Amino acid sequence: MTANGHRIVRLEFTSAFEMVDFVQVVSDHMARSVGLDDDSMHWVSVSIRESVINAIKHGNRNDATKRVFVDFEITTTSAVPELAIRVRDQGEGFEPEAVADPLAPENLLKSSGRGIFLIRNFMDDVQLRRAPEGGMEIRMLKRVQPAPADGPVQA
């Protein structure tokens, strides 16, 4: 769907880990088409995988009758093109403030709890909230970094 500098792709699928690779393909395509560089594409990719896995595993608790919703929206109307991603589950939800700090000494060796922390570091803006439709949603934004101006070449 394209309208006025916007492009939107909506995905809806059952809670199956096999879907993560498909979401990744769509994510990579959207990231490339908005103009993200390879590094930014990689971090978006890691963030989307973490978000979808969290939605399936923690949100929907691997319940195949529950669905995951992923929206990608490219905006090119502002000075800086951006890719917005929304991942929503149909779980009970949680309080984002209650997520343990993975850098606290008592949590350093835990095998889970780093996903949201990593996403916050990889993306330009991250919002976690209970979705109006039910479940939890994470909204992530990645802005295209302007290419550095070509200065004099150093010998």
Protein backbone atom coordinates (compact mmCIF):
# COMPACT_ATOMS: atom_id res chain seq x y z
CA MET A 1 0.00 0.00 0.00
CA THR A 2 1.47 3.36 -0.98
CA ALA A 3 0.08 6.81 -0.26
CA ASN A 4 1.72 10.22 0.12
CA GLY A 5 5.21 9.01 0.95
CA HIS A 6 3.91 6.12 3.07
CA ARG A 7 4.22 2.43 2.42
CA ILE A 8 2.55 -0.04 4.76
CA VAL A 9 2.87 -3.83 4.98
CA ARG A 10 0.76 -5.77 7.49
CA LEU A 11 1.44 -9.35 8.49
CA GLU A 12 -0.74 -11.59 10.65
CA PHE A 13 0.25 -15.16 11.51
CA THR A 14 -0.11 -17.90 14.11
CA SER A 15 2.34 -18.27 16.99
CA ALA A 16 4.87 -20.42 15.14
CA PHE A 17 8.63 -19.89 15.28
CA GLU A 18 8.80 -20.97 11.62
CA MET A 19 7.31 -17.56 10.77
CA VAL A 20 10.32 -15.63 12.12
CA ASP A 21 12.35 -16.16 8.93
CA PHE A 22 9.45 -14.96 6.77
CA VAL A 23 9.08 -11.80 8.87
CA GLN A 24 12.83 -11.31 8.51
CA VAL A 25 12.60 -11.40 4.70
CA VAL A 26 9.87 -8.73 4.75
CA SER A 27 11.84 -6.68 7.29
CA ASP A 28 15.01 -6.79 5.18
CA HIS A 29 13.06 -5.76 2.08
CA MET A 30 11.41 -2.83 3.87
CA ALA A 31 14.69 -1.72 5.49
CA ARG A 32 16.48 -1.81 2.14
CA SER A 33 13.71 0.06 0.33
CA VAL A 34 13.68 2.92 2.89
CA GLY A 35 17.44 3.32 2.39
CA LEU A 36 18.96 1.89 5.58
CA ASP A 37 22.65 0.98 5.38
CA ASP A 38 23.86 -2.58 6.05
CA ASP A 39 24.60 -1.95 9.74
CA SER A 40 21.18 -0.41 10.38
CA MET A 41 19.51 -3.24 8.46
CA HIS A 42 21.29 -5.75 10.68
CA TRP A 43 20.10 -4.05 13.90
CA VAL A 44 16.54 -3.77 12.59
CA SER A 45 16.72 -7.46 11.72
CA VAL A 46 17.90 -8.43 15.21
CA SER A 47 15.21 -6.22 16.77
CA ILE A 48 12.38 -7.63 14.68
CA ARG A 49 13.46 -11.23 15.38
CA GLU A 50 13.62 -10.52 19.14
CA SER A 51 10.21 -8.83 19.08
CA VAL A 52 8.47 -11.61 17.17
CA ILE A 53 10.08 -14.35 19.28
CA ASN A 54 9.01 -12.47 22.44
CA ALA A 55 5.46 -12.14 21.09
CA ILE A 56 5.24 -15.88 20.36
CA LYS A 57 7.07 -17.16 23.44
CA HIS A 58 6.20 -14.71 26.23
CA GLY A 59 3.11 -12.94 24.91
CA ASN A 60 1.17 -15.78 23.34
CA ARG A 61 2.95 -18.49 25.35
CA ASN A 62 3.40 -20.64 22.23
CA ASP A 63 -0.40 -20.92 21.87
CA ALA A 64 -0.98 -21.71 18.17
CA THR A 65 -4.54 -20.35 18.39
CA LYS A 66 -3.17 -16.88 19.18
CA ARG A 67 -1.85 -14.58 16.51
CA VAL A 68 1.04 -12.17 16.07
CA PHE A 69 0.57 -8.94 14.12
CA VAL A 70 3.48 -7.08 12.52
CA ASP A 71 3.08 -3.73 10.75
CA PHE A 72 5.87 -2.08 8.79
CA GLU A 73 5.45 1.53 7.75
CA ILE A 74 7.90 3.51 5.66
CA THR A 75 7.60 7.28 5.84
CA THR A 76 9.52 9.37 3.33
CA THR A 77 7.66 12.66 3.74
CA SER A 78 9.97 14.09 6.40
CA ALA A 79 13.58 15.19 5.88
CA VAL A 80 14.75 11.86 7.30
CA PRO A 81 13.07 8.72 5.91
CA GLU A 82 12.11 6.23 8.62
CA LEU A 83 10.89 2.70 9.12
CA ALA A 84 8.33 2.15 11.87
CA ILE A 85 7.58 -1.38 13.04
CA ARG A 86 4.78 -2.47 15.35
CA VAL A 87 4.67 -6.02 16.76
CA ARG A 88 1.56 -7.04 18.73
CA ASP A 89 0.61 -10.29 20.45
CA GLN A 90 -2.62 -11.55 22.00
CA GLY A 91 -1.17 -12.32 25.42
CA GLU A 92 -2.03 -11.05 28.89
CA GLY A 93 0.51 -8.25 28.75
CA PHE A 94 2.97 -7.01 31.36
CA GLU A 95 4.20 -3.80 32.90
CA PRO A 96 7.27 -2.66 30.92
CA GLU A 97 8.74 -1.05 34.06
CA ALA A 98 8.70 -4.48 35.75
CA VAL A 99 11.22 -5.96 33.28
CA ALA A 100 14.43 -6.70 35.15
CA ASP A 101 17.55 -4.73 34.22
CA PRO A 102 19.80 -7.25 32.40
CA LEU A 103 22.88 -5.28 33.51
CA ALA A 104 22.11 -5.65 37.21
CA PRO A 105 24.65 -8.04 38.79
CA GLU A 106 21.97 -10.56 39.82
CA ASN A 107 20.71 -10.77 36.21
CA LEU A 108 23.97 -10.95 34.25
CA LEU A 109 23.97 -14.74 33.97
CA LYS A 110 20.27 -15.17 33.22
CA SER A 111 19.53 -16.58 29.77
CA SER A 112 16.54 -14.31 29.13
CA GLY A 113 15.66 -10.68 29.67
CA ARG A 114 18.04 -9.04 27.23
CA GLY A 115 15.73 -8.71 24.23
CA ILE A 116 14.00 -5.46 25.13
CA PHE A 117 17.29 -4.01 26.40
CA LEU A 118 18.98 -4.80 23.07
CA ILE A 119 16.07 -3.46 21.02
CA ARG A 120 16.19 -0.16 22.95
CA ASN A 121 19.88 0.13 22.05
CA PHE A 122 19.51 -0.83 18.38
CA MET A 123 16.50 1.29 17.44
CA ASP A 124 16.04 5.08 17.48
CA ASP A 125 12.77 4.99 19.40
CA VAL A 126 11.03 2.16 21.26
CA GLN A 127 7.66 2.17 23.00
CA LEU A 128 6.14 -0.74 24.86
CA ARG A 129 2.51 -0.63 25.88
CA ARG A 130 -0.70 -2.58 26.25
CA ALA A 131 -2.38 -2.52 22.86
CA PRO A 132 -5.90 -1.06 22.63
CA GLU A 133 -6.94 -4.27 20.82
CA GLY A 134 -5.55 -6.40 23.66
CA GLY A 135 -2.13 -7.95 24.20
CA MET A 136 1.16 -6.10 24.24
CA GLU A 137 2.71 -4.11 21.47
CA ILE A 138 6.18 -2.81 20.83
CA ARG A 139 6.66 0.09 18.46
CA MET A 140 10.13 0.57 17.04
CA LEU A 141 11.47 3.30 14.81
CA LYS A 142 14.67 3.38 12.76
CA ARG A 143 15.66 6.56 10.94
CA VAL A 144 17.87 6.62 7.85
CA GLN A 145 21.18 8.23 8.76
CA PRO A 146 22.26 10.82 6.20
CA ALA A 147 25.34 9.84 4.25
CA PRO A 148 28.45 11.71 5.43
CA ALA A 149 29.34 14.68 3.24
CA ASP A 150 32.29 13.98 1.02
CA GLY A 151 35.15 16.00 2.43
CA PRO A 152 38.67 16.36 1.12
CA VAL A 153 40.41 13.03 0.63
CA GLN A 154 43.23 12.49 3.10
CA ALA A 155 46.46 11.14 1.62
